[in-house]
Amino acid sequence: MPWPAELPLLIRVLPLAIGAAVSPVVLVVQLLNLSSPRRALARSGAFLLGCTLVVLLWLLCAGWIASLLPLAQRGPDPIAAAFDAMFALVLSALGQRILQQPRPVEPRPAPAGVMAPALSGLALMGCNLSSLVLFLPAVQDITRAPLVGPAWWAAALLLVLITLLPAWLPPLLVLVLGARARAVLARLSSWVVPRQRGINASVCFVLALVLALRALARV
């Protein structure tokens, strides 16, 4: 992939990918899987698999829909502006809804075995609307850019990896660092749990503003 030539695309997509990765619930549940006294890494791997299947489904569906749109051209892009404005409104509404919800309780560990964490990953990521709303315009940007073959897959898989960061990074740290990583992740969980609502709402509002500015710039 010609990274210098595609640098503007990466600059547009990276904030959306990072926003899609900010998913406190996914992170906390994965940390609970890693705190299991038995088969912790296996359970976290099953949870990661469930999350990955959902994100790949997002990628295939969003990529197919975006492929039906014309390629992006230099200058005004009313199609991208309309999508950005729509997603900005959706994120604003989602942020307001998050703030109006009662304070979330700490998730409970899934039942024993690896099937339950896999199903939990499918359900949690499938209901993760804030990540989905940020993932969709990122896929649209990638697909409507003049990328074909390996270049498209390289950009798309980079987006998938960043989006799934809270699902794959904790088990990787535990695998590499062992007990030291577990202690750090436990402290991170205790900090994130009471702040889940504020984190999610803040991400929605900040990225809604980014998308609104992008929409204005593309008119």
N, C-alpha and C. Protein backbone atom coordinates (compact mmCIF):
# COMPACT_ATOMS: atom_id res chain seq x y z
N MET A 1 0.84 -1.21 0.00
CA MET A 1 0.00 0.00 0.00
C MET A 1 0.87 1.25 0.00
N PRO A 2 0.63 2.21 -0.93
CA PRO A 2 1.46 3.42 -0.97
C PRO A 2 1.09 4.37 0.14
N TRP A 3 1.73 4.18 1.28
CA TRP A 3 1.34 4.94 2.48
C TRP A 3 1.39 6.45 2.27
N PRO A 4 2.45 7.04 1.67
CA PRO A 4 2.45 8.50 1.50
C PRO A 4 1.27 8.98 0.68
N ALA A 5 0.92 8.26 -0.39
CA ALA A 5 -0.19 8.68 -1.24
C ALA A 5 -1.53 8.57 -0.52
N GLU A 6 -1.64 7.62 0.40
CA GLU A 6 -2.90 7.40 1.10
C GLU A 6 -2.93 8.06 2.47
N LEU A 7 -1.96 8.91 2.76
CA LEU A 7 -1.92 9.55 4.07
C LEU A 7 -3.18 10.37 4.36
N PRO A 8 -3.74 11.14 3.41
CA PRO A 8 -4.99 11.86 3.70
C PRO A 8 -6.13 10.92 4.09
N LEU A 9 -6.20 9.75 3.44
CA LEU A 9 -7.23 8.78 3.80
C LEU A 9 -7.04 8.29 5.22
N LEU A 10 -5.80 7.97 5.58
CA LEU A 10 -5.52 7.49 6.94
C LEU A 10 -5.87 8.55 7.97
N ILE A 11 -5.59 9.81 7.65
CA ILE A 11 -5.90 10.90 8.59
C ILE A 11 -7.41 11.01 8.80
N ARG A 12 -8.18 10.78 7.75
CA ARG A 12 -9.64 10.83 7.87
C ARG A 12 -10.19 9.64 8.64
N VAL A 13 -9.61 8.47 8.41
CA VAL A 13 -10.17 7.24 8.96
C VAL A 13 -9.71 6.99 10.40
N LEU A 14 -8.48 7.39 10.74
CA LEU A 14 -7.91 7.05 12.04
C LEU A 14 -8.74 7.55 13.22
N PRO A 15 -9.24 8.81 13.23
CA PRO A 15 -10.06 9.22 14.38
C PRO A 15 -11.32 8.39 14.53
N LEU A 16 -11.92 7.99 13.41
CA LEU A 16 -13.12 7.15 13.49
C LEU A 16 -12.77 5.76 14.03
N ALA A 17 -11.65 5.21 13.59
CA ALA A 17 -11.24 3.89 14.06
C ALA A 17 -10.95 3.91 15.56
N ILE A 18 -10.25 4.96 16.01
CA ILE A 18 -9.95 5.07 17.45
C ILE A 18 -11.23 5.24 18.25
N GLY A 19 -12.16 6.06 17.74
CA GLY A 19 -13.44 6.21 18.42
C GLY A 19 -14.22 4.90 18.49
N ALA A 20 -14.18 4.12 17.40
CA ALA A 20 -14.86 2.83 17.41
C ALA A 20 -14.22 1.86 18.41
N ALA A 21 -12.92 2.05 18.67
CA ALA A 21 -12.22 1.17 19.61
C ALA A 21 -12.52 1.51 21.06
N VAL A 22 -12.99 2.74 21.32
CA VAL A 22 -13.28 3.14 22.71
C VAL A 22 -14.61 2.50 23.11
N SER A 23 -14.53 1.31 23.64
CA SER A 23 -15.71 0.54 24.00
C SER A 23 -15.52 -0.02 25.42
N PRO A 24 -15.91 0.75 26.44
CA PRO A 24 -15.66 0.31 27.81
C PRO A 24 -16.26 -1.04 28.17
N VAL A 25 -17.47 -1.31 27.67
CA VAL A 25 -18.11 -2.58 28.03
C VAL A 25 -17.31 -3.76 27.49
N VAL A 26 -16.89 -3.67 26.24
CA VAL A 26 -16.09 -4.76 25.66
C VAL A 26 -14.80 -4.95 26.45
N LEU A 27 -14.16 -3.85 26.81
CA LEU A 27 -12.91 -3.94 27.59
C LEU A 27 -13.15 -4.59 28.94
N VAL A 28 -14.19 -4.15 29.65
CA VAL A 28 -14.45 -4.67 31.00
C VAL A 28 -14.78 -6.16 30.96
N VAL A 29 -15.61 -6.56 30.00
CA VAL A 29 -15.96 -7.99 29.91
C VAL A 29 -14.74 -8.83 29.56
N GLN A 30 -13.88 -8.30 28.70
CA GLN A 30 -12.66 -9.05 28.38
C GLN A 30 -11.76 -9.17 29.61
N LEU A 31 -11.69 -8.11 30.41
CA LEU A 31 -10.90 -8.18 31.63
C LEU A 31 -11.49 -9.18 32.61
N LEU A 32 -12.82 -9.28 32.64
CA LEU A 32 -13.45 -10.29 33.50
C LEU A 32 -13.09 -11.70 33.02
N ASN A 33 -13.06 -11.90 31.71
CA ASN A 33 -12.66 -13.21 31.19
C ASN A 33 -11.23 -13.54 31.61
N LEU A 34 -10.36 -12.54 31.58
CA LEU A 34 -8.96 -12.79 31.95
C LEU A 34 -8.77 -12.99 33.44
N SER A 35 -9.74 -12.57 34.25
CA SER A 35 -9.64 -12.77 35.69
C SER A 35 -10.20 -14.13 36.12
N SER A 36 -10.71 -14.89 35.16
CA SER A 36 -11.27 -16.21 35.49
C SER A 36 -10.17 -17.13 36.04
N PRO A 37 -10.48 -17.90 37.08
CA PRO A 37 -9.45 -18.79 37.64
C PRO A 37 -9.11 -19.97 36.74
N ARG A 38 -9.96 -20.27 35.76
CA ARG A 38 -9.72 -21.42 34.90
C ARG A 38 -9.84 -21.00 33.44
N ARG A 39 -8.87 -21.40 32.63
CA ARG A 39 -8.89 -21.22 31.17
C ARG A 39 -9.14 -19.76 30.80
N ALA A 40 -8.47 -18.86 31.47
CA ALA A 40 -8.71 -17.43 31.25
C ALA A 40 -8.38 -17.03 29.81
N LEU A 41 -7.24 -17.46 29.31
CA LEU A 41 -6.87 -17.07 27.95
C LEU A 41 -7.77 -17.71 26.91
N ALA A 42 -8.20 -18.94 27.16
CA ALA A 42 -9.13 -19.59 26.23
C ALA A 42 -10.46 -18.85 26.19
N ARG A 43 -10.94 -18.43 27.36
CA ARG A 43 -12.20 -17.70 27.42
C ARG A 43 -12.06 -16.33 26.73
N SER A 44 -10.93 -15.66 26.95
CA SER A 44 -10.74 -14.36 26.30
C SER A 44 -10.60 -14.53 24.79
N GLY A 45 -9.98 -15.63 24.35
CA GLY A 45 -9.88 -15.90 22.92
C GLY A 45 -11.23 -16.16 22.29
N ALA A 46 -12.09 -16.88 23.00
CA ALA A 46 -13.44 -17.12 22.50
C ALA A 46 -14.24 -15.82 22.41
N PHE A 47 -14.08 -14.96 23.42
CA PHE A 47 -14.75 -13.66 23.39
C PHE A 47 -14.25 -12.84 22.22
N LEU A 48 -12.95 -12.83 21.99
CA LEU A 48 -12.36 -12.11 20.86
C LEU A 48 -12.91 -12.64 19.54
N LEU A 49 -13.05 -13.94 19.42
CA LEU A 49 -13.60 -14.53 18.21
C LEU A 49 -15.01 -14.03 17.95
N GLY A 50 -15.85 -14.00 18.99
CA GLY A 50 -17.21 -13.51 18.82
C GLY A 50 -17.24 -12.06 18.36
N CYS A 51 -16.41 -11.21 18.98
CA CYS A 51 -16.34 -9.79 18.58
C CYS A 51 -15.85 -9.67 17.14
N THR A 52 -14.85 -10.47 16.78
CA THR A 52 -14.27 -10.38 15.44
C THR A 52 -15.29 -10.75 14.37
N LEU A 53 -16.08 -11.78 14.61
CA LEU A 53 -17.08 -12.19 13.62
C LEU A 53 -18.06 -11.06 13.34
N VAL A 54 -18.46 -10.35 14.38
CA VAL A 54 -19.40 -9.24 14.19
C VAL A 54 -18.76 -8.12 13.38
N VAL A 55 -17.53 -7.75 13.72
CA VAL A 55 -16.86 -6.65 13.01
C VAL A 55 -16.60 -7.02 11.55
N LEU A 56 -16.24 -8.26 11.29
CA LEU A 56 -16.05 -8.69 9.90
C LEU A 56 -17.37 -8.64 9.14
N LEU A 57 -18.47 -8.97 9.80
CA LEU A 57 -19.78 -8.85 9.16
C LEU A 57 -20.09 -7.38 8.84
N TRP A 58 -19.77 -6.50 9.79
CA TRP A 58 -19.91 -5.05 9.51
C TRP A 58 -19.11 -4.67 8.28
N LEU A 59 -17.86 -5.14 8.23
CA LEU A 59 -16.97 -4.77 7.14
C LEU A 59 -17.52 -5.23 5.79
N LEU A 60 -17.97 -6.46 5.72
CA LEU A 60 -18.47 -6.99 4.45
C LEU A 60 -19.73 -6.27 4.00
N CYS A 61 -20.67 -6.04 4.93
CA CYS A 61 -21.92 -5.37 4.57
C CYS A 61 -21.68 -3.92 4.20
N ALA A 62 -20.90 -3.20 5.03
CA ALA A 62 -20.64 -1.79 4.75
C ALA A 62 -19.80 -1.63 3.49
N GLY A 63 -18.83 -2.52 3.28
CA GLY A 63 -18.01 -2.45 2.08
C GLY A 63 -18.83 -2.68 0.83
N TRP A 64 -19.77 -3.63 0.89
CA TRP A 64 -20.62 -3.89 -0.28
C TRP A 64 -21.52 -2.70 -0.59
N ILE A 65 -22.12 -2.10 0.46
CA ILE A 65 -22.99 -0.95 0.23
C ILE A 65 -22.19 0.23 -0.31
N ALA A 66 -21.01 0.48 0.27
CA ALA A 66 -20.18 1.61 -0.19
C ALA A 66 -19.68 1.39 -1.61
N SER A 67 -19.50 0.13 -2.02
CA SER A 67 -19.02 -0.15 -3.38
C SER A 67 -20.05 0.23 -4.43
N LEU A 68 -21.31 0.38 -4.03
CA LEU A 68 -22.35 0.80 -4.97
C LEU A 68 -22.33 2.30 -5.21
N LEU A 69 -21.59 3.04 -4.38
CA LEU A 69 -21.51 4.49 -4.52
C LEU A 69 -20.36 4.85 -5.47
N PRO A 70 -20.44 6.02 -6.11
CA PRO A 70 -19.33 6.43 -6.98
C PRO A 70 -18.07 6.71 -6.18
N LEU A 71 -16.92 6.58 -6.84
CA LEU A 71 -15.65 6.87 -6.19
C LEU A 71 -15.58 8.35 -5.80
N ALA A 72 -14.87 8.62 -4.72
CA ALA A 72 -14.72 10.00 -4.27
C ALA A 72 -13.87 10.77 -5.28
N GLN A 73 -14.26 12.02 -5.50
CA GLN A 73 -13.53 12.88 -6.43
C GLN A 73 -12.95 14.06 -5.66
N ARG A 74 -11.97 14.72 -6.29
CA ARG A 74 -11.43 15.93 -5.69
C ARG A 74 -12.49 17.02 -5.68
N GLY A 75 -12.43 17.87 -4.66
CA GLY A 75 -13.41 18.95 -4.57
C GLY A 75 -14.62 18.53 -3.76
N PRO A 76 -15.75 19.22 -3.92
CA PRO A 76 -16.96 18.91 -3.14
C PRO A 76 -17.41 17.47 -3.35
N ASP A 77 -17.87 16.87 -2.28
CA ASP A 77 -18.35 15.48 -2.32
C ASP A 77 -19.67 15.42 -1.56
N PRO A 78 -20.79 15.74 -2.24
CA PRO A 78 -22.07 15.80 -1.53
C PRO A 78 -22.50 14.46 -0.94
N ILE A 79 -22.11 13.35 -1.55
CA ILE A 79 -22.49 12.03 -1.01
C ILE A 79 -21.83 11.82 0.35
N ALA A 80 -20.51 12.05 0.41
CA ALA A 80 -19.81 11.89 1.69
C ALA A 80 -20.31 12.90 2.71
N ALA A 81 -20.59 14.13 2.27
CA ALA A 81 -21.09 15.14 3.20
C ALA A 81 -22.43 14.71 3.80
N ALA A 82 -23.30 14.14 2.99
CA ALA A 82 -24.60 13.69 3.50
C ALA A 82 -24.44 12.56 4.51
N PHE A 83 -23.56 11.60 4.19
CA PHE A 83 -23.34 10.49 5.13
C PHE A 83 -22.73 11.00 6.43
N ASP A 84 -21.75 11.88 6.33
CA ASP A 84 -21.11 12.41 7.54
C ASP A 84 -22.12 13.15 8.41
N ALA A 85 -22.97 13.97 7.78
CA ALA A 85 -23.98 14.71 8.53
C ALA A 85 -24.96 13.76 9.21
N MET A 86 -25.37 12.71 8.48
CA MET A 86 -26.30 11.75 9.06
C MET A 86 -25.68 11.03 10.26
N PHE A 87 -24.44 10.57 10.10
CA PHE A 87 -23.79 9.86 11.21
C PHE A 87 -23.52 10.80 12.39
N ALA A 88 -23.25 12.09 12.10
CA ALA A 88 -23.07 13.05 13.19
C ALA A 88 -24.35 13.21 14.00
N LEU A 89 -25.49 13.27 13.33
CA LEU A 89 -26.77 13.38 14.03
C LEU A 89 -27.05 12.11 14.84
N VAL A 90 -26.75 10.95 14.26
CA VAL A 90 -26.98 9.69 14.97
C VAL A 90 -26.11 9.62 16.22
N LEU A 91 -24.84 10.02 16.11
CA LEU A 91 -23.94 9.99 17.26
C LEU A 91 -24.40 10.97 18.34
N SER A 92 -24.87 12.15 17.95
CA SER A 92 -25.35 13.11 18.94
C SER A 92 -26.55 12.55 19.69
N ALA A 93 -27.48 11.95 18.95
CA ALA A 93 -28.65 11.35 19.60
C ALA A 93 -28.24 10.19 20.51
N LEU A 94 -27.28 9.40 20.05
CA LEU A 94 -26.81 8.26 20.85
C LEU A 94 -26.13 8.75 22.12
N GLY A 95 -25.33 9.82 22.02
CA GLY A 95 -24.68 10.37 23.22
C GLY A 95 -25.68 10.87 24.23
N GLN A 96 -26.73 11.55 23.77
CA GLN A 96 -27.76 12.03 24.68
C GLN A 96 -28.50 10.87 25.34
N ARG A 97 -28.75 9.83 24.56
CA ARG A 97 -29.43 8.66 25.13
C ARG A 97 -28.58 7.98 26.20
N ILE A 98 -27.27 7.90 25.94
CA ILE A 98 -26.36 7.28 26.92
C ILE A 98 -26.39 8.04 28.24
N LEU A 99 -26.39 9.38 28.16
CA LEU A 99 -26.39 10.19 29.38
C LEU A 99 -27.70 10.05 30.15
N GLN A 100 -28.79 9.75 29.46
CA GLN A 100 -30.09 9.63 30.12
C GLN A 100 -30.30 8.25 30.74
N GLN A 101 -29.47 7.29 30.38
CA GLN A 101 -29.62 5.94 30.91
C GLN A 101 -29.11 5.89 32.35
N PRO A 102 -29.65 4.96 33.15
CA PRO A 102 -29.13 4.80 34.51
C PRO A 102 -27.69 4.32 34.48
N ARG A 103 -27.01 4.56 35.57
CA ARG A 103 -25.60 4.16 35.66
C ARG A 103 -25.48 2.65 35.47
N PRO A 104 -24.62 2.21 34.53
CA PRO A 104 -24.52 0.77 34.27
C PRO A 104 -23.89 0.04 35.45
N VAL A 105 -24.37 -1.17 35.66
CA VAL A 105 -23.79 -2.01 36.71
C VAL A 105 -22.57 -2.73 36.14
N GLU A 106 -21.72 -3.17 37.03
CA GLU A 106 -20.53 -3.89 36.58
C GLU A 106 -20.93 -5.22 35.95
N PRO A 107 -20.45 -5.51 34.74
CA PRO A 107 -20.80 -6.79 34.10
C PRO A 107 -20.35 -7.98 34.94
N ARG A 108 -21.09 -9.05 34.81
CA ARG A 108 -20.74 -10.28 35.53
C ARG A 108 -20.01 -11.23 34.59
N PRO A 109 -19.14 -12.07 35.16
CA PRO A 109 -18.45 -13.04 34.31
C PRO A 109 -19.43 -13.99 33.64
N ALA A 110 -19.07 -14.40 32.42
CA ALA A 110 -19.90 -15.38 31.72
C ALA A 110 -19.78 -16.73 32.41
N PRO A 111 -20.78 -17.60 32.23
CA PRO A 111 -20.70 -18.94 32.83
C PRO A 111 -19.47 -19.70 32.36
N ALA A 112 -19.18 -20.80 33.04
CA ALA A 112 -17.99 -21.58 32.73
C ALA A 112 -18.03 -22.09 31.29
N GLY A 113 -16.84 -22.36 30.75
CA GLY A 113 -16.74 -22.84 29.39
C GLY A 113 -16.32 -21.74 28.44
N VAL A 114 -16.12 -22.07 27.17
CA VAL A 114 -15.70 -21.08 26.18
C VAL A 114 -16.84 -20.66 25.25
N MET A 115 -17.92 -21.44 25.22
CA MET A 115 -19.04 -21.07 24.35
C MET A 115 -19.72 -19.80 24.83
N ALA A 116 -19.90 -19.69 26.15
CA ALA A 116 -20.57 -18.50 26.70
C ALA A 116 -19.79 -17.21 26.40
N PRO A 117 -18.47 -17.16 26.59
CA PRO A 117 -17.75 -15.95 26.21
C PRO A 117 -17.84 -15.63 24.72
N ALA A 118 -17.85 -16.66 23.87
CA ALA A 118 -17.98 -16.41 22.43
C ALA A 118 -19.32 -15.78 22.11
N LEU A 119 -20.38 -16.31 22.71
CA LEU A 119 -21.72 -15.73 22.50
C LEU A 119 -21.80 -14.33 23.09
N SER A 120 -21.12 -14.13 24.22
CA SER A 120 -21.09 -12.81 24.83
C SER A 120 -20.40 -11.80 23.90
N GLY A 121 -19.33 -12.22 23.24
CA GLY A 121 -18.66 -11.34 22.29
C GLY A 121 -19.56 -10.99 21.12
N LEU A 122 -20.28 -11.99 20.61
CA LEU A 122 -21.23 -11.72 19.53
C LEU A 122 -22.30 -10.72 19.96
N ALA A 123 -22.86 -10.93 21.15
CA ALA A 123 -23.95 -10.07 21.60
C ALA A 123 -23.48 -8.66 21.91
N LEU A 124 -22.36 -8.54 22.64
CA LEU A 124 -21.89 -7.21 23.04
C LEU A 124 -21.47 -6.37 21.84
N MET A 125 -20.70 -6.96 20.94
CA MET A 125 -20.27 -6.19 19.78
C MET A 125 -21.44 -5.93 18.83
N GLY A 126 -22.36 -6.88 18.76
CA GLY A 126 -23.54 -6.67 17.92
C GLY A 126 -24.41 -5.53 18.40
N CYS A 127 -24.42 -5.28 19.71
CA CYS A 127 -25.21 -4.18 20.28
C CYS A 127 -24.40 -2.91 20.48
N ASN A 128 -23.16 -2.90 20.04
CA ASN A 128 -22.27 -1.77 20.27
C ASN A 128 -22.52 -0.71 19.19
N LEU A 129 -23.56 0.09 19.38
CA LEU A 129 -23.99 1.02 18.35
C LEU A 129 -22.98 2.13 18.10
N SER A 130 -22.32 2.62 19.16
CA SER A 130 -21.37 3.70 18.97
C SER A 130 -20.21 3.26 18.08
N SER A 131 -19.72 2.04 18.28
CA SER A 131 -18.65 1.54 17.41
C SER A 131 -19.14 1.35 15.98
N LEU A 132 -20.35 0.84 15.84
CA LEU A 132 -20.90 0.62 14.50
C LEU A 132 -21.05 1.93 13.74
N VAL A 133 -21.59 2.96 14.41
CA VAL A 133 -21.83 4.24 13.74
C VAL A 133 -20.52 4.90 13.32
N LEU A 134 -19.43 4.65 14.02
CA LEU A 134 -18.13 5.18 13.63
C LEU A 134 -17.44 4.30 12.60
N PHE A 135 -17.71 3.01 12.65
CA PHE A 135 -17.10 2.07 11.72
C PHE A 135 -17.63 2.28 10.30
N LEU A 136 -18.92 2.56 10.17
CA LEU A 136 -19.54 2.66 8.85
C LEU A 136 -18.95 3.78 7.99
N PRO A 137 -18.84 5.03 8.50
CA PRO A 137 -18.23 6.05 7.64
C PRO A 137 -16.76 5.79 7.34
N ALA A 138 -16.06 5.10 8.24
CA ALA A 138 -14.67 4.75 7.96
C ALA A 138 -14.58 3.79 6.78
N VAL A 139 -15.46 2.78 6.75
CA VAL A 139 -15.48 1.84 5.62
C VAL A 139 -15.88 2.57 4.34
N GLN A 140 -16.82 3.51 4.46
CA GLN A 140 -17.21 4.28 3.27
C GLN A 140 -16.03 5.05 2.70
N ASP A 141 -15.25 5.69 3.58
CA ASP A 141 -14.08 6.42 3.11
C ASP A 141 -13.08 5.50 2.41
N ILE A 142 -12.84 4.34 2.98
CA ILE A 142 -11.87 3.40 2.40
C ILE A 142 -12.36 2.88 1.06
N THR A 143 -13.64 2.53 0.98
CA THR A 143 -14.15 1.91 -0.23
C THR A 143 -14.29 2.90 -1.37
N ARG A 144 -14.62 4.14 -1.05
CA ARG A 144 -14.78 5.14 -2.11
C ARG A 144 -13.45 5.78 -2.51
N ALA A 145 -12.39 5.51 -1.79
CA ALA A 145 -11.06 5.94 -2.21
C ALA A 145 -10.60 5.03 -3.36
N PRO A 146 -9.66 5.48 -4.17
CA PRO A 146 -9.20 4.64 -5.28
C PRO A 146 -8.27 3.52 -4.81
N LEU A 147 -8.82 2.62 -3.99
CA LEU A 147 -8.05 1.48 -3.49
C LEU A 147 -8.64 0.20 -4.07
N VAL A 148 -7.79 -0.69 -4.52
CA VAL A 148 -8.26 -1.97 -5.06
C VAL A 148 -7.38 -3.09 -4.52
N GLY A 149 -7.95 -4.28 -4.48
CA GLY A 149 -7.20 -5.47 -4.12
C GLY A 149 -6.52 -5.38 -2.77
N PRO A 150 -5.22 -5.70 -2.70
CA PRO A 150 -4.51 -5.71 -1.41
C PRO A 150 -4.53 -4.38 -0.68
N ALA A 151 -4.54 -3.26 -1.44
CA ALA A 151 -4.55 -1.96 -0.78
C ALA A 151 -5.83 -1.76 0.01
N TRP A 152 -6.97 -2.17 -0.57
CA TRP A 152 -8.24 -2.05 0.15
C TRP A 152 -8.25 -2.94 1.39
N TRP A 153 -7.80 -4.17 1.23
CA TRP A 153 -7.80 -5.09 2.36
C TRP A 153 -6.84 -4.64 3.45
N ALA A 154 -5.70 -4.06 3.08
CA ALA A 154 -4.75 -3.57 4.09
C ALA A 154 -5.40 -2.47 4.93
N ALA A 155 -6.05 -1.50 4.27
CA ALA A 155 -6.71 -0.41 5.00
C ALA A 155 -7.88 -0.94 5.82
N ALA A 156 -8.66 -1.85 5.24
CA ALA A 156 -9.83 -2.38 5.94
C ALA A 156 -9.43 -3.19 7.16
N LEU A 157 -8.40 -4.02 7.03
CA LEU A 157 -7.97 -4.85 8.16
C LEU A 157 -7.32 -4.00 9.24
N LEU A 158 -6.66 -2.92 8.86
CA LEU A 158 -6.14 -1.99 9.87
C LEU A 158 -7.29 -1.38 10.67
N LEU A 159 -8.36 -1.01 9.99
CA LEU A 159 -9.55 -0.50 10.66
C LEU A 159 -10.14 -1.54 11.61
N VAL A 160 -10.21 -2.80 11.17
CA VAL A 160 -10.74 -3.88 12.01
C VAL A 160 -9.87 -4.08 13.24
N LEU A 161 -8.56 -4.09 13.06
CA LEU A 161 -7.65 -4.29 14.19
C LEU A 161 -7.79 -3.18 15.23
N ILE A 162 -7.89 -1.94 14.78
CA ILE A 162 -8.03 -0.84 15.73
C ILE A 162 -9.37 -0.92 16.44
N THR A 163 -10.44 -1.22 15.70
CA THR A 163 -11.77 -1.32 16.30
C THR A 163 -11.82 -2.40 17.38
N LEU A 164 -11.10 -3.49 17.15
CA LEU A 164 -11.11 -4.62 18.09
C LEU A 164 -10.05 -4.50 19.18
N LEU A 165 -9.40 -3.36 19.27
CA LEU A 165 -8.31 -3.18 20.23
C LEU A 165 -8.68 -3.59 21.66
N PRO A 166 -9.84 -3.20 22.20
CA PRO A 166 -10.15 -3.59 23.59
C PRO A 166 -10.40 -5.08 23.76
N ALA A 167 -10.58 -5.81 22.67
CA ALA A 167 -10.81 -7.25 22.76
C ALA A 167 -9.52 -8.05 22.63
N TRP A 168 -8.56 -7.58 21.82
CA TRP A 168 -7.36 -8.40 21.61
C TRP A 168 -6.14 -7.92 22.38
N LEU A 169 -6.08 -6.63 22.74
CA LEU A 169 -4.88 -6.14 23.43
C LEU A 169 -4.73 -6.71 24.85
N PRO A 170 -5.79 -6.75 25.68
CA PRO A 170 -5.61 -7.30 27.03
C PRO A 170 -5.08 -8.73 27.06
N PRO A 171 -5.66 -9.68 26.28
CA PRO A 171 -5.07 -11.03 26.34
C PRO A 171 -3.64 -11.08 25.80
N LEU A 172 -3.33 -10.23 24.83
CA LEU A 172 -1.95 -10.21 24.32
C LEU A 172 -0.99 -9.74 25.41
N LEU A 173 -1.39 -8.73 26.17
CA LEU A 173 -0.53 -8.25 27.25
C LEU A 173 -0.34 -9.31 28.32
N VAL A 174 -1.43 -10.02 28.65
CA VAL A 174 -1.33 -11.08 29.65
C VAL A 174 -0.44 -12.21 29.14
N LEU A 175 -0.56 -12.52 27.86
CA LEU A 175 0.25 -13.59 27.28
C LEU A 175 1.73 -13.23 27.31
N VAL A 176 2.04 -11.95 27.09
CA VAL A 176 3.45 -11.52 27.02
C VAL A 176 4.02 -11.19 28.39
N LEU A 177 3.22 -10.49 29.22
CA LEU A 177 3.75 -9.96 30.49
C LEU A 177 3.29 -10.73 31.72
N GLY A 178 2.27 -11.56 31.59
CA GLY A 178 1.83 -12.38 32.70
C GLY A 178 1.21 -11.60 33.84
N ALA A 179 1.68 -11.86 35.07
CA ALA A 179 1.07 -11.28 36.27
C ALA A 179 1.15 -9.77 36.29
N ARG A 180 2.22 -9.19 35.76
CA ARG A 180 2.33 -7.72 35.74
C ARG A 180 1.20 -7.10 34.93
N ALA A 181 0.89 -7.70 33.80
CA ALA A 181 -0.20 -7.19 32.98
C ALA A 181 -1.54 -7.35 33.69
N ARG A 182 -1.74 -8.45 34.38
CA ARG A 182 -3.01 -8.65 35.09
C ARG A 182 -3.23 -7.56 36.14
N ALA A 183 -2.17 -7.18 36.85
CA ALA A 183 -2.31 -6.15 37.88
C ALA A 183 -2.68 -4.80 37.25
N VAL A 184 -2.01 -4.47 36.15
CA VAL A 184 -2.31 -3.19 35.48
C VAL A 184 -3.73 -3.20 34.93
N LEU A 185 -4.16 -4.31 34.33
CA LEU A 185 -5.49 -4.40 33.75
C LEU A 185 -6.57 -4.36 34.83
N ALA A 186 -6.27 -4.91 36.00
CA ALA A 186 -7.23 -4.85 37.11
C ALA A 186 -7.45 -3.41 37.55
N ARG A 187 -6.38 -2.64 37.63
CA ARG A 187 -6.52 -1.23 37.99
C ARG A 187 -7.27 -0.46 36.91
N LEU A 188 -6.99 -0.79 35.65
CA LEU A 188 -7.70 -0.13 34.54
C LEU A 188 -9.19 -0.43 34.61
N SER A 189 -9.55 -1.67 34.91
CA SER A 189 -10.96 -2.03 35.02
C SER A 189 -11.65 -1.26 36.13
N SER A 190 -11.00 -1.13 37.29
CA SER A 190 -11.61 -0.40 38.41
C SER A 190 -11.81 1.07 38.08
N TRP A 191 -10.98 1.61 37.17
CA TRP A 191 -11.14 3.01 36.78
C TRP A 191 -12.24 3.17 35.72
N VAL A 192 -12.31 2.21 34.78
CA VAL A 192 -13.24 2.33 33.65
C VAL A 192 -14.68 2.06 34.08
N VAL A 193 -14.90 1.07 34.92
CA VAL A 193 -16.27 0.63 35.24
C VAL A 193 -17.17 1.77 35.68
N PRO A 194 -16.80 2.60 36.66
CA PRO A 194 -17.73 3.66 37.08
C PRO A 194 -17.84 4.82 36.08
N ARG A 195 -17.00 4.82 35.06
CA ARG A 195 -16.99 5.94 34.11
C ARG A 195 -17.46 5.53 32.72
N GLN A 196 -18.05 4.35 32.59
CA GLN A 196 -18.43 3.85 31.27
C GLN A 196 -19.35 4.82 30.53
N ARG A 197 -20.36 5.29 31.21
CA ARG A 197 -21.36 6.16 30.57
C ARG A 197 -20.72 7.45 30.08
N GLY A 198 -19.91 8.09 30.92
CA GLY A 198 -19.26 9.33 30.51
C GLY A 198 -18.30 9.14 29.36
N ILE A 199 -17.55 8.03 29.36
CA ILE A 199 -16.60 7.77 28.28
C ILE A 199 -17.34 7.59 26.96
N ASN A 200 -18.38 6.77 26.97
CA ASN A 200 -19.13 6.52 25.74
C ASN A 200 -19.78 7.79 25.21
N ALA A 201 -20.41 8.56 26.10
CA ALA A 201 -21.07 9.78 25.67
C ALA A 201 -20.07 10.79 25.12
N SER A 202 -18.92 10.92 25.79
CA SER A 202 -17.90 11.87 25.32
C SER A 202 -17.40 11.51 23.93
N VAL A 203 -17.16 10.22 23.71
CA VAL A 203 -16.72 9.78 22.38
C VAL A 203 -17.77 10.11 21.33
N CYS A 204 -19.04 9.88 21.66
CA CYS A 204 -20.11 10.17 20.70
C CYS A 204 -20.14 11.65 20.34
N PHE A 205 -20.06 12.52 21.34
CA PHE A 205 -20.16 13.96 21.07
C PHE A 205 -18.94 14.48 20.32
N VAL A 206 -17.75 14.03 20.72
CA VAL A 206 -16.53 14.51 20.07
C VAL A 206 -16.50 14.06 18.61
N LEU A 207 -16.81 12.78 18.34
CA LEU A 207 -16.77 12.30 16.97
C LEU A 207 -17.94 12.84 16.15
N ALA A 208 -19.06 13.15 16.80
CA ALA A 208 -20.16 13.82 16.08
C ALA A 208 -19.69 15.17 15.57
N LEU A 209 -18.94 15.90 16.40
CA LEU A 209 -18.40 17.19 15.97
C LEU A 209 -17.42 17.01 14.82
N VAL A 210 -16.56 15.99 14.91
CA VAL A 210 -15.60 15.73 13.82
C VAL A 210 -16.34 15.44 12.52
N LEU A 211 -17.38 14.60 12.57
CA LEU A 211 -18.12 14.27 11.36
C LEU A 211 -18.87 15.48 10.83
N ALA A 212 -19.40 16.32 11.72
CA ALA A 212 -20.09 17.52 11.27
C ALA A 212 -19.13 18.47 10.54
N LEU A 213 -17.92 18.61 11.07
CA LEU A 213 -16.92 19.45 10.41
C LEU A 213 -16.51 18.85 9.07
N ARG A 214 -16.40 17.53 9.02
CA ARG A 214 -16.08 16.89 7.75
C ARG A 214 -17.18 17.12 6.72
N ALA A 215 -18.43 17.05 7.17
CA ALA A 215 -19.55 17.27 6.26
C ALA A 215 -19.51 18.69 5.68
N LEU A 216 -19.23 19.68 6.54
CA LEU A 216 -19.14 21.06 6.05
C LEU A 216 -17.99 21.24 5.08
N ALA A 217 -16.88 20.56 5.34
CA ALA A 217 -15.71 20.70 4.47
C ALA A 217 -15.93 20.04 3.13
N ARG A 218 -16.86 19.10 3.04
CA ARG A 218 -17.06 18.38 1.80
C ARG A 218 -18.20 18.95 0.93
N VAL A 219 -18.88 19.97 1.43
CA VAL A 219 -19.98 20.57 0.66
C VAL A 219 -19.41 21.44 -0.46
